[in-house]
Amino acid sequence: MAHLRLLLSHSRRHPQPHRLLSLLHFSSDASSGSAPRPPPIKPVSYAPKPQQEAPPEEPAAPPPAPEADRGPQSPLPRRPQQQMPPREWTRQDMRFVKDAAPVISPVSYPSKVAPLPEDRPAGGQADGAPDEGLRGEGERIQMDAARATRSIFGVQVEEEQVPYPTIIPVVKRPQKVAIDLVDAIRQLKASTNEKKRNFVETVEAHVTLGVDPRRGDQMVRGALTLPHGTGKTVRVAVFAEGPAAEEARAAGADVVGGDELIEEIRKGGGKLSFDKCIATPMFMPRLSKVARILGPRGLMPNPKLGSVTNDVSGAVKAAKSGRVDFKIDKTAIVHVGLGKVNFSEESLRENIGAFVHALLLAKPVGLKKTSKYVGYVKKFTLSSTMGPGFPITIPSLSVAADHYNKVQVS
């Protein structure tokens, strides 16, 4: 059995040559035979396309007859438009139409052409009447011809000139030169004597300061008692009760009251019968009810100005003798009245000196102290109620303030 297996393995490893030769002989016989022929192809012919016959030539149209020989022509009948039967949409067509993008077909409009003279309607204007446009053009040509001027060198056409807008120059008033205080008082009294008034005018001082009123540390306010008074009767109101109210009446207060006076002011609709207000400290919380009435008029009592005090008698006497309160406004200007025009020159000079001294005492701490006036008092103007203003020099103001100090000390 083992020998048989060995023979079979040798036979598999070494194939027999006679089998290969037989296969080669068979392949040579097959290739030496006749080659396969392709299938026959039959030619296909089509009938020639019949040529279209040329349309018969139409006889030439006769020349158009003149307009005079033409008779009334009837309009040609219009061809009836064939209406296509409505098409039924299938479900498939509707699906395609829904998804398709809209097609915008271009639209063209006929160009407008002005009608020729023979095409214009005859009913608009009478025969032989000139056109309005032609008439206006003729008038314009005539006006241009009349505007032409002849000269030696030829014809010069005068062009129509459009006037330019008139510019009105701004007339600036000459700036007044600052003068001495004594001269300013004399000129002020002379200007008031020229025009008689029905009342006695007040001498007013308007001082422009070099501070910023928006800053709390540069607020300028104060009070002073003028040596010669203000020249007008001052009505004083005192908010007090008990012994303080009695002291105020004894000192000459015009109006004295407590809660009933506050209610009277609140219900009075803004009508007040006094010029100064003085209050005791216990009435300050109650005055909040009328603060909107007294505050805008400068009548609200203020401890810094001495109008809130327990010494009611002394405050009333000071207000009656010519006490003046001053405060800077939003434009950094102080306005204050310092007497009447019928005061003497010396009295007005002493009142002005007292005000300048109080103004220096109210100078803010934050300003530079290189000088009393430099950087603080920019401009000092003296005027009457309805008269012109007179700027005053700073050295003359300093002399008046120093004179008031000497008199006050002595």
Protein backbone atom coordinates (compact mmCIF):
# COMPACT_ATOMS: atom_id res chain seq x y z
CA MET A 1 0.00 0.00 0.00
CA ALA A 2 2.84 2.35 0.75
CA HIS A 3 4.38 1.63 -2.68
CA LEU A 4 1.16 2.55 -4.38
CA ARG A 5 1.05 5.90 -2.61
CA LEU A 6 4.65 6.63 -3.62
CA LEU A 7 3.91 5.97 -7.26
CA LEU A 8 0.92 8.21 -7.21
CA SER A 9 2.94 11.06 -5.71
CA HIS A 10 5.63 10.70 -8.39
CA SER A 11 3.05 10.68 -11.12
CA ARG A 12 1.58 13.93 -9.83
CA ARG A 13 4.96 15.63 -9.66
CA HIS A 14 6.07 14.54 -13.20
CA PRO A 15 3.17 14.77 -15.71
CA GLN A 16 3.19 12.57 -18.72
CA PRO A 17 4.52 14.17 -21.96
CA HIS A 18 2.16 12.37 -24.30
CA ARG A 19 -0.85 14.19 -22.81
CA LEU A 20 0.74 17.62 -23.41
CA LEU A 21 1.61 16.66 -26.98
CA SER A 22 -1.94 15.64 -27.68
CA LEU A 23 -3.21 18.95 -26.40
CA LEU A 24 -0.75 20.92 -28.54
CA HIS A 25 -1.72 18.92 -31.61
CA PHE A 26 -5.40 19.62 -31.04
CA SER A 27 -4.81 23.39 -30.64
CA SER A 28 -2.75 23.52 -33.86
CA ASP A 29 -5.50 21.71 -35.80
CA ALA A 30 -8.10 24.13 -34.52
CA SER A 31 -6.03 27.20 -35.46
CA SER A 32 -5.13 25.91 -38.93
CA GLY A 33 -8.84 25.63 -39.84
CA SER A 34 -10.94 28.34 -41.62
CA ALA A 35 -11.40 31.70 -39.72
CA PRO A 36 -14.99 32.68 -38.65
CA ARG A 37 -16.74 35.03 -41.07
CA PRO A 38 -18.52 38.26 -39.89
CA PRO A 39 -22.31 38.53 -40.28
CA PRO A 40 -23.45 40.18 -43.52
CA ILE A 41 -24.55 43.86 -43.31
CA LYS A 42 -27.46 44.90 -45.46
CA PRO A 43 -27.54 48.52 -46.76
CA VAL A 44 -30.57 50.61 -45.75
CA SER A 45 -31.89 53.32 -48.06
CA TYR A 46 -34.49 56.03 -47.35
CA ALA A 47 -36.85 57.70 -49.78
CA PRO A 48 -35.69 61.19 -50.88
CA LYS A 49 -37.45 64.16 -49.18
CA PRO A 50 -39.88 65.82 -51.58
CA GLN A 51 -38.96 69.43 -52.35
CA GLN A 52 -41.54 72.12 -51.53
CA GLU A 53 -42.86 73.97 -54.47
CA ALA A 54 -42.20 77.74 -54.56
CA PRO A 55 -45.36 79.83 -53.99
CA PRO A 56 -46.68 81.52 -57.07
CA GLU A 57 -45.54 85.11 -57.46
CA GLU A 58 -48.22 87.61 -56.53
CA PRO A 59 -48.94 90.33 -59.05
CA ALA A 60 -47.41 93.71 -58.19
CA ALA A 61 -49.75 95.99 -56.26
CA PRO A 62 -50.88 99.07 -58.16
CA PRO A 63 -49.40 102.41 -57.00
CA PRO A 64 -51.40 104.13 -54.20
CA ALA A 65 -53.91 106.60 -55.44
CA PRO A 66 -53.53 110.23 -54.35
CA GLU A 67 -55.28 111.32 -51.18
CA ALA A 68 -57.79 113.35 -53.13
CA ASP A 69 -58.92 110.26 -55.13
CA ARG A 70 -59.18 108.08 -52.05
CA GLY A 71 -62.64 107.45 -50.80
CA PRO A 72 -63.72 106.65 -47.30
CA GLN A 73 -62.00 103.43 -46.30
CA SER A 74 -63.70 100.99 -44.08
CA PRO A 75 -61.62 99.40 -41.35
CA LEU A 76 -60.45 95.85 -42.00
CA PRO A 77 -62.30 93.19 -40.07
CA ARG A 78 -60.32 91.66 -37.26
CA ARG A 79 -59.59 87.99 -37.28
CA PRO A 80 -61.37 86.20 -34.50
CA GLN A 81 -58.95 84.97 -31.90
CA GLN A 82 -58.94 81.26 -31.45
CA GLN A 83 -59.43 80.31 -27.90
CA MET A 84 -57.51 77.27 -26.81
CA PRO A 85 -59.53 74.75 -24.87
CA PRO A 86 -58.65 74.70 -21.19
CA ARG A 87 -56.04 72.11 -20.40
CA GLU A 88 -56.58 69.72 -17.59
CA TRP A 89 -53.70 69.64 -15.15
CA THR A 90 -52.56 66.26 -13.99
CA ARG A 91 -51.10 65.54 -10.63
CA GLN A 92 -47.64 65.16 -12.16
CA ASP A 93 -47.89 68.55 -13.92
CA MET A 94 -48.98 70.30 -10.76
CA ARG A 95 -46.00 68.89 -8.91
CA PHE A 96 -43.58 70.27 -11.51
CA VAL A 97 -45.30 73.66 -11.62
CA LYS A 98 -45.12 73.95 -7.84
CA ASP A 99 -41.35 73.34 -7.74
CA ALA A 100 -40.53 75.43 -10.79
CA ALA A 101 -39.17 78.96 -10.30
CA PRO A 102 -41.43 81.82 -11.48
CA VAL A 103 -40.60 83.08 -14.93
CA ILE A 104 -40.78 86.85 -15.39
CA SER A 105 -41.28 87.80 -18.98
CA PRO A 106 -39.87 91.17 -20.07
CA VAL A 107 -42.39 93.89 -20.75
CA SER A 108 -41.68 96.58 -23.31
CA TYR A 109 -43.59 99.81 -23.66
CA PRO A 110 -43.90 101.79 -26.85
CA SER A 111 -41.70 104.85 -26.94
CA LYS A 112 -43.48 108.16 -26.77
CA VAL A 113 -43.05 110.26 -29.86
CA ALA A 114 -44.20 113.84 -30.13
CA PRO A 115 -46.97 114.15 -32.74
CA LEU A 116 -46.18 115.94 -35.95
CA PRO A 117 -48.01 119.19 -36.75
CA GLU A 118 -50.31 117.43 -39.20
CA ASP A 119 -51.17 114.76 -36.61
CA ARG A 120 -52.15 117.20 -33.84
CA PRO A 121 -55.85 117.50 -33.10
CA ALA A 122 -57.41 120.53 -34.72
CA GLY A 123 -59.82 121.20 -31.85
CA GLY A 124 -57.15 122.44 -29.43
CA GLN A 125 -56.57 125.84 -31.06
CA ALA A 126 -57.90 127.73 -34.02
CA ASP A 127 -56.28 127.53 -37.44
CA GLY A 128 -53.52 130.01 -37.85
CA ALA A 129 -53.24 130.74 -34.09
CA PRO A 130 -49.62 130.79 -32.89
CA ASP A 131 -48.48 128.17 -30.42
CA GLU A 132 -47.89 129.29 -26.80
CA GLY A 133 -44.42 127.77 -26.79
CA LEU A 134 -43.46 129.59 -29.97
CA ARG A 135 -44.89 132.83 -28.62
CA GLY A 136 -42.85 132.52 -25.39
CA GLU A 137 -39.70 131.74 -27.38
CA GLY A 138 -40.28 134.78 -29.56
CA GLU A 139 -40.74 137.03 -26.56
CA ARG A 140 -37.52 135.76 -25.03
CA ILE A 141 -35.60 136.45 -28.25
CA GLN A 142 -37.03 139.96 -28.41
CA MET A 143 -36.01 140.63 -24.82
CA ASP A 144 -32.47 139.41 -25.51
CA ALA A 145 -32.26 141.62 -28.57
CA ALA A 146 -33.48 144.66 -26.64
CA ARG A 147 -30.91 143.96 -23.91
CA ALA A 148 -28.03 144.14 -26.36
CA THR A 149 -25.99 147.35 -26.26
CA ARG A 150 -23.95 148.68 -29.14
CA SER A 151 -20.48 150.08 -28.73
CA ILE A 152 -17.65 151.16 -30.96
CA PHE A 153 -16.04 147.73 -31.02
CA GLY A 154 -19.18 145.72 -31.78
CA VAL A 155 -22.28 144.37 -30.15
CA GLN A 156 -21.92 143.45 -26.49
CA VAL A 157 -24.70 141.37 -24.98
CA GLU A 158 -25.58 142.37 -21.44
CA GLU A 159 -25.90 139.18 -19.43
CA GLU A 160 -28.66 138.86 -16.89
CA GLN A 161 -27.11 139.13 -13.43
CA VAL A 162 -28.70 137.54 -10.39
CA PRO A 163 -28.33 139.76 -7.31
CA TYR A 164 -26.34 138.21 -4.48
CA PRO A 165 -27.86 138.10 -1.00
CA THR A 166 -27.11 141.20 0.96
CA ILE A 167 -24.88 140.54 3.97
CA ILE A 168 -25.59 142.92 6.80
CA PRO A 169 -22.38 143.53 8.73
CA VAL A 170 -22.62 143.12 12.47
CA VAL A 171 -22.00 146.43 14.13
CA LYS A 172 -19.99 145.86 17.25
CA ARG A 173 -20.36 148.36 19.99
CA PRO A 174 -17.09 149.88 21.08
CA GLN A 175 -15.95 148.35 24.32
CA LYS A 176 -16.11 150.79 27.18
CA VAL A 177 -12.91 151.66 28.95
CA ALA A 178 -12.83 151.14 32.72
CA ILE A 179 -12.81 154.39 34.67
CA ASP A 180 -12.23 155.44 38.26
CA LEU A 181 -14.94 154.77 40.85
CA VAL A 182 -15.49 158.44 41.67
CA ASP A 183 -15.86 159.35 37.96
CA ALA A 184 -18.26 156.45 37.44
CA ILE A 185 -20.50 157.64 40.30
CA ARG A 186 -20.59 161.15 38.85
CA GLN A 187 -21.46 159.96 35.34
CA LEU A 188 -24.13 157.63 36.71
CA LYS A 189 -25.83 160.46 38.64
CA ALA A 190 -25.60 162.73 35.59
CA SER A 191 -27.22 160.14 33.29
CA THR A 192 -30.14 159.66 35.68
CA ASN A 193 -30.74 163.41 35.91
CA GLU A 194 -31.12 163.68 32.13
CA LYS A 195 -34.20 161.41 32.06
CA LYS A 196 -36.79 161.90 34.73
CA ARG A 197 -38.38 158.74 36.06
CA ASN A 198 -41.49 158.20 38.13
CA PHE A 199 -39.42 156.40 40.75
CA VAL A 200 -36.01 156.67 42.34
CA GLU A 201 -33.60 154.31 40.58
CA THR A 202 -31.37 151.91 42.46
CA VAL A 203 -27.59 151.89 42.11
CA GLU A 204 -26.67 148.31 41.15
CA ALA A 205 -23.34 146.49 41.03
CA HIS A 206 -22.75 143.60 38.62
CA VAL A 207 -19.55 141.67 39.29
CA THR A 208 -18.18 138.95 36.98
CA LEU A 209 -16.10 136.46 38.98
CA GLY A 210 -13.52 133.95 37.80
CA VAL A 211 -15.07 130.93 39.55
CA ASP A 212 -17.01 127.87 38.39
CA PRO A 213 -20.50 127.99 39.94
CA ARG A 214 -21.00 124.27 39.19
CA ARG A 215 -18.38 123.36 41.76
CA GLY A 216 -19.47 123.34 45.37
CA ASP A 217 -16.08 124.49 46.66
CA GLN A 218 -16.25 127.66 44.51
CA MET A 219 -19.68 128.90 45.61
CA VAL A 220 -19.65 132.62 46.48
CA ARG A 221 -22.33 133.94 48.82
CA GLY A 222 -22.42 136.31 51.75
CA ALA A 223 -24.19 139.14 53.53
CA LEU A 224 -23.29 142.61 54.73
CA THR A 225 -24.87 145.65 56.31
CA LEU A 226 -24.42 148.79 54.23
CA PRO A 227 -23.16 151.80 56.17
CA HIS A 228 -25.82 154.07 54.67
CA GLY A 229 -28.54 151.52 54.09
CA THR A 230 -30.26 150.54 50.87
CA GLY A 231 -32.60 153.53 50.72
CA LYS A 232 -35.77 151.48 50.59
CA THR A 233 -38.22 150.23 53.19
CA VAL A 234 -37.64 146.55 53.93
CA ARG A 235 -40.57 144.42 55.15
CA VAL A 236 -39.39 141.63 57.45
CA ALA A 237 -41.25 138.42 58.30
CA VAL A 238 -40.28 136.31 61.34
CA PHE A 239 -41.24 132.67 61.93
CA ALA A 240 -41.25 132.36 65.70
CA GLU A 241 -43.46 131.51 68.66
CA GLY A 242 -43.59 132.53 72.33
CA PRO A 243 -40.96 134.96 73.66
CA ALA A 244 -39.08 135.04 70.34
CA ALA A 245 -42.20 136.30 68.56
CA GLU A 246 -42.58 139.07 71.14
CA GLU A 247 -38.95 140.13 70.65
CA ALA A 248 -39.47 140.27 66.89
CA ARG A 249 -42.52 142.52 67.23
CA ALA A 250 -40.63 144.79 69.62
CA ALA A 251 -37.70 145.05 67.14
CA GLY A 252 -40.04 146.22 64.36
CA ALA A 253 -40.84 143.06 62.38
CA ASP A 254 -43.70 143.57 59.92
CA VAL A 255 -45.05 139.98 59.90
CA VAL A 256 -44.68 137.53 62.81
CA GLY A 257 -46.23 134.08 62.97
CA GLY A 258 -45.80 130.34 63.25
CA ASP A 259 -47.71 127.49 61.64
CA GLU A 260 -50.58 129.79 60.68
CA LEU A 261 -48.15 132.00 58.70
CA ILE A 262 -46.77 128.93 56.86
CA GLU A 263 -50.31 127.83 55.88
CA GLU A 264 -51.12 131.34 54.72
CA ILE A 265 -48.06 131.37 52.43
CA ARG A 266 -48.86 127.87 51.11
CA LYS A 267 -52.47 128.76 50.27
CA GLY A 268 -51.72 132.29 49.09
CA GLY A 269 -50.78 131.26 45.56
CA GLY A 270 -47.33 132.87 45.66
CA LYS A 271 -48.43 136.29 46.96
CA LEU A 272 -46.00 137.55 49.63
CA SER A 273 -46.12 140.74 51.67
CA PHE A 274 -42.48 140.84 52.87
CA ASP A 275 -38.93 141.21 51.52
CA LYS A 276 -36.87 139.35 54.16
CA CYS A 277 -37.44 136.16 56.15
CA ILE A 278 -36.00 135.30 59.56
CA ALA A 279 -36.69 132.07 61.45
CA THR A 280 -35.70 130.35 64.65
CA PRO A 281 -33.96 126.94 64.38
CA MET A 282 -37.06 125.04 65.54
CA PHE A 283 -39.05 126.27 62.51
CA MET A 284 -36.64 125.07 59.82
CA PRO A 285 -38.21 121.57 59.43
CA ARG A 286 -41.67 123.15 59.14
CA LEU A 287 -40.55 125.58 56.42
CA SER A 288 -40.03 122.65 54.02
CA LYS A 289 -43.73 122.99 53.10
CA VAL A 290 -43.12 126.44 51.55
CA ALA A 291 -39.54 125.92 50.36
CA ARG A 292 -40.67 125.84 46.71
CA ILE A 293 -42.25 129.27 47.16
CA LEU A 294 -39.55 131.01 49.17
CA GLY A 295 -36.49 129.38 47.58
CA PRO A 296 -36.74 130.74 43.99
CA ARG A 297 -37.28 134.27 45.36
CA GLY A 298 -34.25 134.15 47.65
CA LEU A 299 -36.35 134.40 50.81
CA MET A 300 -35.61 131.00 52.33
CA PRO A 301 -33.84 131.46 55.70
CA ASN A 302 -30.24 130.28 55.67
CA PRO A 303 -27.92 129.79 58.67
CA LYS A 304 -24.90 130.91 56.60
CA LEU A 305 -26.55 134.27 55.95
CA GLY A 306 -27.58 134.81 59.56
CA SER A 307 -31.33 134.57 58.87
CA VAL A 308 -31.69 131.44 61.06
CA THR A 309 -30.87 132.51 64.59
CA ASN A 310 -32.17 132.69 68.15
CA ASP A 311 -31.26 136.40 68.33
CA VAL A 312 -34.38 137.46 66.49
CA SER A 313 -34.23 141.07 67.70
CA GLY A 314 -30.72 141.68 66.33
CA ALA A 315 -31.53 140.03 62.98
CA VAL A 316 -34.62 142.20 62.51
CA LYS A 317 -32.69 145.41 63.30
CA ALA A 318 -29.92 144.41 60.84
CA ALA A 319 -32.44 143.71 58.08
CA LYS A 320 -34.17 147.02 58.69
CA SER A 321 -30.90 148.99 58.76
CA GLY A 322 -29.75 147.86 55.30
CA ARG A 323 -28.61 144.23 55.36
CA VAL A 324 -27.86 142.90 51.86
CA ASP A 325 -27.48 139.27 50.85
CA PHE A 326 -25.57 138.37 47.68
CA LYS A 327 -25.03 135.09 45.85
CA ILE A 328 -23.40 134.06 42.58
CA ASP A 329 -25.74 132.95 39.79
CA LYS A 330 -25.30 130.29 37.09
CA THR A 331 -23.28 132.66 34.88
CA ALA A 332 -20.75 133.45 37.65
CA ILE A 333 -22.12 136.99 38.13
CA VAL A 334 -23.18 138.66 41.38
CA HIS A 335 -26.01 141.22 41.21
CA VAL A 336 -26.66 143.46 44.21
CA GLY A 337 -28.24 146.84 44.96
CA LEU A 338 -26.07 149.29 46.90
CA GLY A 339 -28.26 152.36 47.37
CA LYS A 340 -30.27 154.97 45.50
CA VAL A 341 -29.22 157.52 42.91
CA ASN A 342 -30.24 160.33 45.28
CA PHE A 343 -27.49 159.30 47.73
CA SER A 344 -24.44 161.50 47.96
CA GLU A 345 -21.23 160.50 46.16
CA GLU A 346 -19.45 159.76 49.43
CA SER A 347 -22.31 157.57 50.71
CA LEU A 348 -22.35 155.53 47.49
CA ARG A 349 -18.55 155.20 47.62
CA GLU A 350 -18.65 153.86 51.19
CA ASN A 351 -21.45 151.39 50.36
CA ILE A 352 -19.48 150.11 47.37
CA GLY A 353 -16.34 149.78 49.50
CA ALA A 354 -18.27 147.74 52.09
CA PHE A 355 -19.56 145.41 49.37
CA VAL A 356 -16.09 144.90 47.88
CA HIS A 357 -14.75 144.10 51.35
CA ALA A 358 -17.50 141.48 51.90
CA LEU A 359 -16.88 140.06 48.43
CA LEU A 360 -13.21 139.52 49.26
CA LEU A 361 -14.15 137.78 52.51
CA ALA A 362 -16.37 135.37 50.55
CA LYS A 363 -13.54 134.39 48.19
CA PRO A 364 -13.33 130.56 47.83
CA VAL A 365 -10.36 128.88 49.47
CA GLY A 366 -9.48 126.90 46.35
CA LEU A 367 -8.52 129.97 44.28
CA LYS A 368 -4.94 131.18 44.06
CA LYS A 369 -3.98 133.74 46.67
CA THR A 370 -1.33 135.56 44.65
CA SER A 371 -3.55 138.64 44.69
CA LYS A 372 -6.89 139.67 46.15
CA TYR A 373 -8.45 140.50 42.80
CA VAL A 374 -6.40 138.82 40.04
CA GLY A 375 -8.22 135.69 38.90
CA TYR A 376 -11.19 136.42 41.16
CA VAL A 377 -12.81 139.73 40.14
CA LYS A 378 -12.81 139.90 36.36
CA LYS A 379 -15.16 142.82 35.78
CA PHE A 380 -17.00 145.28 38.01
CA THR A 381 -19.80 147.33 36.43
CA LEU A 382 -21.86 150.02 38.12
CA SER A 383 -25.27 151.05 36.73
CA SER A 384 -28.67 152.37 37.65
CA THR A 385 -31.96 150.50 37.25
CA MET A 386 -32.62 151.76 33.70
CA GLY A 387 -29.33 153.45 32.85
CA PRO A 388 -26.08 152.47 31.10
CA GLY A 389 -23.26 150.57 32.76
CA PHE A 390 -19.87 152.00 33.71
CA PRO A 391 -16.93 149.59 34.16
CA ILE A 392 -14.70 150.46 37.10
CA THR A 393 -10.98 149.92 37.52
CA ILE A 394 -9.76 147.43 40.10
CA PRO A 395 -7.30 149.82 41.81
CA SER A 396 -10.09 152.31 42.59
CA LEU A 397 -12.17 149.48 44.10
CA SER A 398 -9.22 148.44 46.25
CA VAL A 399 -8.89 152.02 47.54
CA ALA A 400 -12.60 152.11 48.45
CA ALA A 401 -12.37 148.77 50.31
CA ASP A 402 -9.29 149.92 52.25
CA HIS A 403 -11.05 153.16 53.21
CA TYR A 404 -14.04 151.19 54.54
CA ASN A 405 -11.70 149.02 56.64
CA LYS A 406 -10.08 152.07 58.21
CA VAL A 407 -13.43 153.62 59.05
CA GLN A 408 -14.76 150.35 60.43
CA VAL A 409 -11.72 149.78 62.63
CA SER A 410 -11.72 153.27 63.98
